Amino acid sequence: MDLKIFRAINLLSGRSLLLDKFMILISNRIRYVYIAIMLIMWFKKRNYKKMTIEAVITILITLIIHFLIKIFYFKPRPFLKRRVGILIPSKKDSSFPSKHTLFAFAVSTTIFYYKRTLGTIMSVLSLLTGVSRIWIGHHYPSDIAGSAILGSFISMLIHKISSLMKKTNEVS
């Protein structure tokens, strides 16, 4: 199933130069949009500082988990085991988890708790980021799904801890 979905998406690459360039742009540069949004939110209003801090903590934790998973688990990237279309060069490290997708879902889920509309838009961009990683030939759909779940779960956990800490401080 994973391979079938991968092939269905990846076989679309190489057919449209404009679409390929768009997917490469999303894959490689969308994280700067997320960073810019967090910076704008940091300077916009005081209550968004908490959101930005939560997002940064979530990113740091996801990067640590990403690092630990890569140490203990290796899943070959699609282009290492099969003949697939790859649009840009990639490292030959483990395919799981996708750091790009992990980052995107961690940030978009955190923002969703504070700004539903912006969070929803960013979640769609996160999904597009995941699809772009398959499109360019770097990840399997299971890598993307696992990264989305992991990034969102860590964001939810950090938000829950942050909310509990806020309630504890209000009671004291």
N, C-alpha and C. Protein backbone atom coordinates (compact mmCIF):
# COMPACT_ATOMS: atom_id res chain seq x y z
N MET A 1 0.82 -1.19 0.00
CA MET A 1 0.00 0.00 0.00
C MET A 1 0.87 1.27 0.00
N ASP A 2 1.89 1.29 0.87
CA ASP A 2 2.80 2.42 0.97
C ASP A 2 3.46 2.69 -0.38
N LEU A 3 3.94 1.64 -1.00
CA LEU A 3 4.62 1.76 -2.29
C LEU A 3 3.65 2.19 -3.39
N LYS A 4 2.43 1.68 -3.36
CA LYS A 4 1.43 2.05 -4.38
C LYS A 4 1.10 3.53 -4.30
N ILE A 5 0.89 4.03 -3.09
CA ILE A 5 0.58 5.46 -2.92
C ILE A 5 1.80 6.30 -3.32
N PHE A 6 2.99 5.84 -2.90
CA PHE A 6 4.21 6.55 -3.28
C PHE A 6 4.31 6.67 -4.80
N ARG A 7 4.15 5.56 -5.49
CA ARG A 7 4.26 5.57 -6.96
C ARG A 7 3.20 6.46 -7.60
N ALA A 8 1.97 6.41 -7.08
CA ALA A 8 0.89 7.24 -7.64
C ALA A 8 1.24 8.72 -7.57
N ILE A 9 1.86 9.14 -6.48
CA ILE A 9 2.23 10.55 -6.33
C ILE A 9 3.52 10.85 -7.07
N ASN A 10 4.54 10.02 -6.87
CA ASN A 10 5.86 10.28 -7.45
C ASN A 10 5.86 10.19 -8.98
N LEU A 11 5.01 9.36 -9.55
CA LEU A 11 4.95 9.26 -11.02
C LEU A 11 4.42 10.53 -11.67
N LEU A 12 3.79 11.40 -10.88
CA LEU A 12 3.32 12.68 -11.41
C LEU A 12 4.47 13.66 -11.61
N SER A 13 5.56 13.44 -10.89
CA SER A 13 6.70 14.36 -11.01
C SER A 13 7.36 14.17 -12.38
N GLY A 14 7.96 15.25 -12.87
CA GLY A 14 8.63 15.20 -14.16
C GLY A 14 7.73 15.45 -15.34
N ARG A 15 6.46 15.68 -15.10
CA ARG A 15 5.51 15.90 -16.20
C ARG A 15 5.23 17.38 -16.44
N SER A 16 5.41 18.18 -15.41
CA SER A 16 5.15 19.61 -15.52
C SER A 16 6.27 20.37 -14.80
N LEU A 17 7.04 21.10 -15.56
CA LEU A 17 8.15 21.85 -14.99
C LEU A 17 7.67 22.83 -13.91
N LEU A 18 6.56 23.49 -14.19
CA LEU A 18 6.01 24.46 -13.24
C LEU A 18 5.59 23.78 -11.92
N LEU A 19 4.90 22.66 -12.02
CA LEU A 19 4.46 21.93 -10.83
C LEU A 19 5.66 21.35 -10.07
N ASP A 20 6.65 20.85 -10.81
CA ASP A 20 7.86 20.33 -10.16
C ASP A 20 8.58 21.43 -9.40
N LYS A 21 8.72 22.59 -10.01
CA LYS A 21 9.40 23.71 -9.33
C LYS A 21 8.61 24.15 -8.09
N PHE A 22 7.28 24.14 -8.19
CA PHE A 22 6.43 24.48 -7.04
C PHE A 22 6.65 23.49 -5.91
N MET A 23 6.66 22.20 -6.22
CA MET A 23 6.85 21.18 -5.19
C MET A 23 8.24 21.27 -4.56
N ILE A 24 9.26 21.57 -5.36
CA ILE A 24 10.61 21.75 -4.83
C ILE A 24 10.63 22.97 -3.90
N LEU A 25 9.97 24.04 -4.32
CA LEU A 25 9.89 25.25 -3.50
C LEU A 25 9.22 24.95 -2.17
N ILE A 26 8.08 24.28 -2.21
CA ILE A 26 7.36 23.92 -0.98
C ILE A 26 8.24 23.04 -0.10
N SER A 27 8.85 22.05 -0.71
CA SER A 27 9.66 21.08 0.03
C SER A 27 10.84 21.74 0.74
N ASN A 28 11.50 22.65 0.06
CA ASN A 28 12.73 23.22 0.61
C ASN A 28 12.58 24.55 1.33
N ARG A 29 11.54 25.32 1.01
CA ARG A 29 11.49 26.69 1.53
C ARG A 29 10.30 27.01 2.43
N ILE A 30 9.32 26.13 2.53
CA ILE A 30 8.11 26.46 3.30
C ILE A 30 8.42 26.71 4.78
N ARG A 31 9.49 26.09 5.27
CA ARG A 31 9.83 26.29 6.69
C ARG A 31 10.12 27.76 6.99
N TYR A 32 10.61 28.50 6.00
CA TYR A 32 10.88 29.93 6.22
C TYR A 32 9.58 30.71 6.38
N VAL A 33 8.53 30.27 5.73
CA VAL A 33 7.21 30.88 5.91
C VAL A 33 6.74 30.65 7.35
N TYR A 34 6.93 29.43 7.84
CA TYR A 34 6.54 29.11 9.22
C TYR A 34 7.34 29.96 10.21
N ILE A 35 8.62 30.09 9.98
CA ILE A 35 9.46 30.90 10.86
C ILE A 35 9.02 32.37 10.82
N ALA A 36 8.73 32.88 9.62
CA ALA A 36 8.29 34.27 9.48
C ALA A 36 6.96 34.49 10.22
N ILE A 37 6.05 33.54 10.10
CA ILE A 37 4.76 33.65 10.80
C ILE A 37 4.98 33.67 12.31
N MET A 38 5.87 32.81 12.80
CA MET A 38 6.13 32.80 14.25
C MET A 38 6.75 34.13 14.70
N LEU A 39 7.65 34.68 13.90
CA LEU A 39 8.25 35.97 14.25
C LEU A 39 7.21 37.09 14.26
N ILE A 40 6.34 37.09 13.26
CA ILE A 40 5.27 38.10 13.21
C ILE A 40 4.37 37.96 14.43
N MET A 41 4.01 36.74 14.78
CA MET A 41 3.15 36.51 15.94
C MET A 41 3.85 36.95 17.23
N TRP A 42 5.14 36.73 17.31
CA TRP A 42 5.91 37.11 18.50
C TRP A 42 5.80 38.62 18.74
N PHE A 43 5.92 39.40 17.65
CA PHE A 43 5.92 40.85 17.77
C PHE A 43 4.52 41.47 17.69
N LYS A 44 3.52 40.69 17.30
CA LYS A 44 2.18 41.23 17.08
C LYS A 44 1.46 41.56 18.38
N LYS A 45 1.22 40.58 19.19
CA LYS A 45 0.47 40.79 20.44
C LYS A 45 1.11 39.96 21.55
N ARG A 46 0.88 40.42 22.76
CA ARG A 46 1.50 39.77 23.90
C ARG A 46 1.06 38.32 24.08
N ASN A 47 -0.23 38.03 23.89
CA ASN A 47 -0.69 36.67 24.14
C ASN A 47 -0.19 35.67 23.08
N TYR A 48 0.33 36.17 21.97
CA TYR A 48 0.89 35.27 20.96
C TYR A 48 2.34 34.88 21.27
N LYS A 49 2.95 35.57 22.21
CA LYS A 49 4.30 35.19 22.65
C LYS A 49 4.27 33.78 23.23
N LYS A 50 3.22 33.48 24.00
CA LYS A 50 3.08 32.15 24.59
C LYS A 50 2.99 31.10 23.49
N MET A 51 2.22 31.41 22.44
CA MET A 51 2.07 30.49 21.32
C MET A 51 3.43 30.26 20.64
N THR A 52 4.17 31.32 20.44
CA THR A 52 5.46 31.20 19.77
C THR A 52 6.44 30.40 20.63
N ILE A 53 6.42 30.63 21.92
CA ILE A 53 7.28 29.86 22.83
C ILE A 53 6.91 28.38 22.79
N GLU A 54 5.61 28.09 22.81
CA GLU A 54 5.16 26.70 22.70
C GLU A 54 5.63 26.07 21.40
N ALA A 55 5.53 26.83 20.30
CA ALA A 55 5.95 26.31 18.99
C ALA A 55 7.45 26.02 18.99
N VAL A 56 8.24 26.91 19.56
CA VAL A 56 9.70 26.71 19.59
C VAL A 56 10.05 25.50 20.46
N ILE A 57 9.41 25.37 21.60
CA ILE A 57 9.65 24.19 22.46
C ILE A 57 9.27 22.91 21.72
N THR A 58 8.14 22.95 21.04
CA THR A 58 7.69 21.79 20.27
C THR A 58 8.71 21.44 19.18
N ILE A 59 9.20 22.45 18.48
CA ILE A 59 10.21 22.22 17.43
C ILE A 59 11.45 21.58 18.03
N LEU A 60 11.93 22.11 19.14
CA LEU A 60 13.13 21.56 19.78
C LEU A 60 12.93 20.10 20.19
N ILE A 61 11.79 19.80 20.77
CA ILE A 61 11.52 18.42 21.19
C ILE A 61 11.41 17.50 19.97
N THR A 62 10.74 17.97 18.91
CA THR A 62 10.62 17.12 17.72
C THR A 62 11.98 16.89 17.07
N LEU A 63 12.85 17.89 17.10
CA LEU A 63 14.20 17.70 16.54
C LEU A 63 15.00 16.68 17.35
N ILE A 64 14.84 16.71 18.67
CA ILE A 64 15.52 15.73 19.53
C ILE A 64 14.99 14.32 19.23
N ILE A 65 13.67 14.20 19.14
CA ILE A 65 13.07 12.90 18.84
C ILE A 65 13.49 12.43 17.46
N HIS A 66 13.51 13.34 16.50
CA HIS A 66 13.97 13.02 15.14
C HIS A 66 15.38 12.46 15.18
N PHE A 67 16.25 13.13 15.91
CA PHE A 67 17.65 12.70 16.04
C PHE A 67 17.73 11.30 16.66
N LEU A 68 16.97 11.08 17.73
CA LEU A 68 17.00 9.77 18.42
C LEU A 68 16.46 8.65 17.52
N ILE A 69 15.39 8.92 16.80
CA ILE A 69 14.84 7.90 15.90
C ILE A 69 15.87 7.55 14.83
N LYS A 70 16.52 8.56 14.28
CA LYS A 70 17.52 8.32 13.21
C LYS A 70 18.70 7.49 13.73
N ILE A 71 19.02 7.61 15.02
CA ILE A 71 20.12 6.82 15.59
C ILE A 71 19.73 5.34 15.67
N PHE A 72 18.49 5.07 16.09
CA PHE A 72 18.09 3.70 16.38
C PHE A 72 17.31 3.00 15.28
N TYR A 73 16.87 3.73 14.28
CA TYR A 73 16.05 3.12 13.23
C TYR A 73 16.46 3.64 11.87
N PHE A 74 16.67 2.74 10.93
CA PHE A 74 17.02 3.14 9.57
C PHE A 74 16.02 2.56 8.59
N LYS A 75 15.41 3.43 7.84
CA LYS A 75 14.50 3.03 6.76
C LYS A 75 15.06 3.67 5.49
N PRO A 76 15.47 2.85 4.51
CA PRO A 76 16.06 3.41 3.29
C PRO A 76 15.09 4.33 2.55
N ARG A 77 15.63 5.40 2.02
CA ARG A 77 14.81 6.31 1.22
C ARG A 77 14.37 5.59 -0.06
N PRO A 78 13.26 6.03 -0.65
CA PRO A 78 12.73 5.32 -1.83
C PRO A 78 13.75 5.16 -2.97
N PHE A 79 14.55 6.18 -3.21
CA PHE A 79 15.49 6.12 -4.32
C PHE A 79 16.69 5.21 -4.05
N LEU A 80 16.87 4.77 -2.82
CA LEU A 80 17.96 3.86 -2.50
C LEU A 80 17.59 2.40 -2.80
N LYS A 81 16.32 2.08 -2.74
CA LYS A 81 15.87 0.70 -2.96
C LYS A 81 15.24 0.49 -4.33
N ARG A 82 14.75 1.56 -4.92
CA ARG A 82 14.01 1.44 -6.17
C ARG A 82 14.43 2.51 -7.15
N ARG A 83 14.03 2.29 -8.36
CA ARG A 83 14.27 3.30 -9.39
C ARG A 83 13.06 4.23 -9.40
N VAL A 84 13.24 5.41 -8.85
CA VAL A 84 12.14 6.37 -8.76
C VAL A 84 12.64 7.73 -9.22
N GLY A 85 11.68 8.59 -9.56
CA GLY A 85 12.04 9.94 -9.96
C GLY A 85 12.39 10.78 -8.74
N ILE A 86 13.60 11.35 -8.76
CA ILE A 86 13.96 12.27 -7.69
C ILE A 86 14.34 13.59 -8.34
N LEU A 87 13.72 14.64 -7.86
CA LEU A 87 13.87 15.94 -8.50
C LEU A 87 15.07 16.73 -8.01
N ILE A 88 15.46 16.50 -6.77
CA ILE A 88 16.63 17.18 -6.20
C ILE A 88 17.43 16.17 -5.38
N PRO A 89 18.71 16.40 -5.24
CA PRO A 89 19.53 15.46 -4.45
C PRO A 89 19.09 15.42 -3.00
N SER A 90 19.39 14.31 -2.35
CA SER A 90 19.03 14.13 -0.95
C SER A 90 20.12 13.37 -0.22
N LYS A 91 20.11 13.52 1.09
CA LYS A 91 21.00 12.71 1.92
C LYS A 91 20.57 11.25 1.78
N LYS A 92 21.44 10.37 2.13
CA LYS A 92 21.11 8.95 2.06
C LYS A 92 20.85 8.38 3.46
N ASP A 93 20.39 9.26 4.35
CA ASP A 93 20.06 8.83 5.71
C ASP A 93 18.67 8.20 5.73
N SER A 94 18.19 7.91 6.91
CA SER A 94 16.90 7.25 7.07
C SER A 94 15.75 8.11 6.55
N SER A 95 14.80 7.44 5.96
CA SER A 95 13.63 8.11 5.40
C SER A 95 12.63 8.53 6.48
N PHE A 96 12.62 7.78 7.59
CA PHE A 96 11.67 8.07 8.66
C PHE A 96 12.36 8.63 9.88
N PRO A 97 11.84 9.67 10.46
CA PRO A 97 10.73 10.51 10.05
C PRO A 97 11.20 11.63 9.12
N SER A 98 10.26 12.27 8.47
CA SER A 98 10.56 13.41 7.60
C SER A 98 10.67 14.66 8.46
N LYS A 99 11.86 15.22 8.53
CA LYS A 99 12.08 16.41 9.37
C LYS A 99 11.24 17.59 8.89
N HIS A 100 11.13 17.75 7.57
CA HIS A 100 10.34 18.85 7.01
C HIS A 100 8.88 18.76 7.45
N THR A 101 8.32 17.56 7.34
CA THR A 101 6.92 17.35 7.69
C THR A 101 6.71 17.44 9.20
N LEU A 102 7.64 16.90 9.95
CA LEU A 102 7.59 16.96 11.41
C LEU A 102 7.53 18.41 11.87
N PHE A 103 8.42 19.23 11.35
CA PHE A 103 8.49 20.66 11.68
C PHE A 103 7.18 21.35 11.30
N ALA A 104 6.70 21.11 10.09
CA ALA A 104 5.49 21.79 9.60
C ALA A 104 4.28 21.47 10.47
N PHE A 105 4.08 20.20 10.79
CA PHE A 105 2.92 19.82 11.59
C PHE A 105 3.06 20.26 13.05
N ALA A 106 4.27 20.26 13.58
CA ALA A 106 4.48 20.73 14.95
C ALA A 106 4.07 22.19 15.08
N VAL A 107 4.50 23.01 14.13
CA VAL A 107 4.19 24.45 14.19
C VAL A 107 2.72 24.70 13.89
N SER A 108 2.20 24.09 12.83
CA SER A 108 0.80 24.37 12.45
C SER A 108 -0.18 23.92 13.53
N THR A 109 0.10 22.80 14.19
CA THR A 109 -0.79 22.34 15.26
C THR A 109 -0.75 23.30 16.45
N THR A 110 0.43 23.77 16.79
CA THR A 110 0.54 24.74 17.89
C THR A 110 -0.23 26.01 17.56
N ILE A 111 -0.07 26.52 16.36
CA ILE A 111 -0.75 27.76 15.97
C ILE A 111 -2.26 27.54 15.93
N PHE A 112 -2.69 26.34 15.54
CA PHE A 112 -4.12 26.03 15.47
C PHE A 112 -4.81 26.23 16.83
N TYR A 113 -4.11 25.94 17.92
CA TYR A 113 -4.70 26.12 19.25
C TYR A 113 -5.02 27.58 19.55
N TYR A 114 -4.29 28.50 18.95
CA TYR A 114 -4.46 29.91 19.25
C TYR A 114 -5.21 30.68 18.17
N LYS A 115 -4.97 30.33 16.94
CA LYS A 115 -5.58 31.01 15.78
C LYS A 115 -6.09 29.93 14.83
N ARG A 116 -7.36 29.58 14.96
CA ARG A 116 -7.93 28.46 14.20
C ARG A 116 -7.79 28.64 12.68
N THR A 117 -8.10 29.81 12.17
CA THR A 117 -8.05 30.03 10.72
C THR A 117 -6.62 29.92 10.20
N LEU A 118 -5.71 30.63 10.83
CA LEU A 118 -4.30 30.56 10.42
C LEU A 118 -3.75 29.15 10.60
N GLY A 119 -4.11 28.50 11.69
CA GLY A 119 -3.66 27.13 11.95
C GLY A 119 -4.17 26.16 10.90
N THR A 120 -5.41 26.36 10.45
CA THR A 120 -5.98 25.50 9.41
C THR A 120 -5.24 25.70 8.09
N ILE A 121 -4.98 26.95 7.73
CA ILE A 121 -4.23 27.25 6.51
C ILE A 121 -2.83 26.61 6.58
N MET A 122 -2.21 26.76 7.74
CA MET A 122 -0.86 26.19 7.90
C MET A 122 -0.90 24.66 7.91
N SER A 123 -1.98 24.07 8.39
CA SER A 123 -2.12 22.61 8.34
C SER A 123 -2.22 22.11 6.90
N VAL A 124 -2.94 22.86 6.08
CA VAL A 124 -3.01 22.52 4.65
C VAL A 124 -1.62 22.63 4.02
N LEU A 125 -0.88 23.67 4.38
CA LEU A 125 0.50 23.82 3.90
C LEU A 125 1.38 22.67 4.40
N SER A 126 1.12 22.21 5.62
CA SER A 126 1.87 21.08 6.18
C SER A 126 1.60 19.81 5.36
N LEU A 127 0.34 19.60 5.04
CA LEU A 127 -0.03 18.45 4.22
C LEU A 127 0.63 18.55 2.84
N LEU A 128 0.63 19.75 2.27
CA LEU A 128 1.28 19.98 0.98
C LEU A 128 2.79 19.73 1.09
N THR A 129 3.37 20.10 2.22
CA THR A 129 4.79 19.83 2.45
C THR A 129 5.05 18.32 2.40
N GLY A 130 4.21 17.56 3.08
CA GLY A 130 4.35 16.11 3.07
C GLY A 130 4.22 15.52 1.68
N VAL A 131 3.22 15.98 0.94
CA VAL A 131 3.03 15.49 -0.44
C VAL A 131 4.23 15.86 -1.30
N SER A 132 4.77 17.06 -1.09
CA SER A 132 5.93 17.49 -1.88
C SER A 132 7.15 16.60 -1.62
N ARG A 133 7.28 16.12 -0.40
CA ARG A 133 8.41 15.24 -0.06
C ARG A 133 8.30 13.90 -0.79
N ILE A 134 7.06 13.44 -1.00
CA ILE A 134 6.84 12.23 -1.79
C ILE A 134 7.04 12.54 -3.26
N TRP A 135 6.52 13.66 -3.70
CA TRP A 135 6.60 14.10 -5.10
C TRP A 135 8.05 14.14 -5.58
N ILE A 136 8.92 14.71 -4.73
CA ILE A 136 10.32 14.85 -5.15
C ILE A 136 11.12 13.55 -4.97
N GLY A 137 10.49 12.54 -4.37
CA GLY A 137 11.11 11.21 -4.28
C GLY A 137 11.93 10.93 -3.04
N HIS A 138 11.75 11.72 -1.99
CA HIS A 138 12.57 11.56 -0.79
C HIS A 138 11.95 10.73 0.32
N HIS A 139 10.61 10.62 0.34
CA HIS A 139 9.93 9.92 1.43
C HIS A 139 8.76 9.08 0.94
N TYR A 140 8.44 8.06 1.72
CA TYR A 140 7.25 7.25 1.50
C TYR A 140 6.07 7.91 2.22
N PRO A 141 4.84 7.60 1.81
CA PRO A 141 3.66 8.14 2.51
C PRO A 141 3.64 7.79 4.01
N SER A 142 4.12 6.61 4.38
CA SER A 142 4.14 6.24 5.81
C SER A 142 5.10 7.13 6.60
N ASP A 143 6.17 7.60 5.96
CA ASP A 143 7.10 8.54 6.62
C ASP A 143 6.37 9.85 6.91
N ILE A 144 5.58 10.28 5.93
CA ILE A 144 4.86 11.54 6.06
C ILE A 144 3.75 11.42 7.11
N ALA A 145 2.99 10.34 7.04
CA ALA A 145 1.90 10.13 8.01
C ALA A 145 2.46 10.03 9.44
N GLY A 146 3.52 9.27 9.60
CA GLY A 146 4.14 9.12 10.92
C GLY A 146 4.68 10.44 11.44
N SER A 147 5.29 11.22 10.56
CA SER A 147 5.83 12.53 10.96
C SER A 147 4.71 13.49 11.32
N ALA A 148 3.62 13.46 10.56
CA ALA A 148 2.47 14.33 10.85
C ALA A 148 1.87 13.99 12.21
N ILE A 149 1.70 12.71 12.47
CA ILE A 149 1.15 12.27 13.75
C ILE A 149 2.09 12.64 14.89
N LEU A 150 3.36 12.38 14.72
CA LEU A 150 4.35 12.67 15.76
C LEU A 150 4.44 14.17 16.05
N GLY A 151 4.55 14.99 15.00
CA GLY A 151 4.63 16.44 15.18
C GLY A 151 3.39 17.01 15.84
N SER A 152 2.22 16.53 15.41
CA SER A 152 0.95 17.01 15.99
C SER A 152 0.80 16.54 17.44
N PHE A 153 1.17 15.29 17.70
CA PHE A 153 1.07 14.75 19.06
C PHE A 153 1.96 15.52 20.03
N ILE A 154 3.19 15.78 19.63
CA ILE A 154 4.12 16.52 20.50
C ILE A 154 3.58 17.93 20.75
N SER A 155 3.04 18.54 19.72
CA SER A 155 2.45 19.87 19.87
C SER A 155 1.28 19.84 20.86
N MET A 156 0.41 18.83 20.73
CA MET A 156 -0.72 18.70 21.66
C MET A 156 -0.24 18.50 23.08
N LEU A 157 0.77 17.67 23.25
CA LEU A 157 1.32 17.38 24.57
C LEU A 157 1.90 18.65 25.20
N ILE A 158 2.68 19.40 24.45
CA ILE A 158 3.28 20.64 24.95
C ILE A 158 2.19 21.65 25.29
N HIS A 159 1.17 21.73 24.45
CA HIS A 159 0.07 22.67 24.73
C HIS A 159 -0.66 22.28 26.01
N LYS A 160 -0.89 20.99 26.19
CA LYS A 160 -1.58 20.51 27.40
C LYS A 160 -0.74 20.82 28.64
N ILE A 161 0.55 20.55 28.58
CA ILE A 161 1.45 20.84 29.71
C ILE A 161 1.46 22.34 30.00
N SER A 162 1.53 23.14 28.95
CA SER A 162 1.54 24.59 29.10
C SER A 162 0.24 25.09 29.75
N SER A 163 -0.89 24.52 29.31
CA SER A 163 -2.19 24.91 29.89
C SER A 163 -2.29 24.52 31.35
N LEU A 164 -1.79 23.33 31.69
CA LEU A 164 -1.80 22.88 33.09
C LEU A 164 -0.91 23.77 33.95
N MET A 165 0.24 24.17 33.41
CA MET A 165 1.14 25.05 34.16
C MET A 165 0.49 26.41 34.38
N LYS A 166 -0.23 26.91 33.37
CA LYS A 166 -0.91 28.19 33.50
C LYS A 166 -1.99 28.13 34.58
N LYS A 167 -2.76 27.03 34.60
CA LYS A 167 -3.80 26.86 35.62
C LYS A 167 -3.18 26.76 37.01
N THR A 168 -2.07 26.06 37.12
CA THR A 168 -1.38 25.93 38.41
C THR A 168 -0.90 27.28 38.89
N ASN A 169 -0.36 28.11 37.98
CA ASN A 169 0.12 29.44 38.35
C ASN A 169 -1.03 30.35 38.75
N GLU A 170 -2.19 30.20 38.10
CA GLU A 170 -3.36 31.04 38.43
C GLU A 170 -3.91 30.70 39.81
N VAL A 171 -3.86 29.41 40.19
CA VAL A 171 -4.35 28.96 41.48
C VAL A 171 -3.42 29.44 42.61
N SER A 172 -2.14 29.45 42.35
CA SER A 172 -1.16 29.83 43.38
C SER A 172 -1.21 31.27 43.77
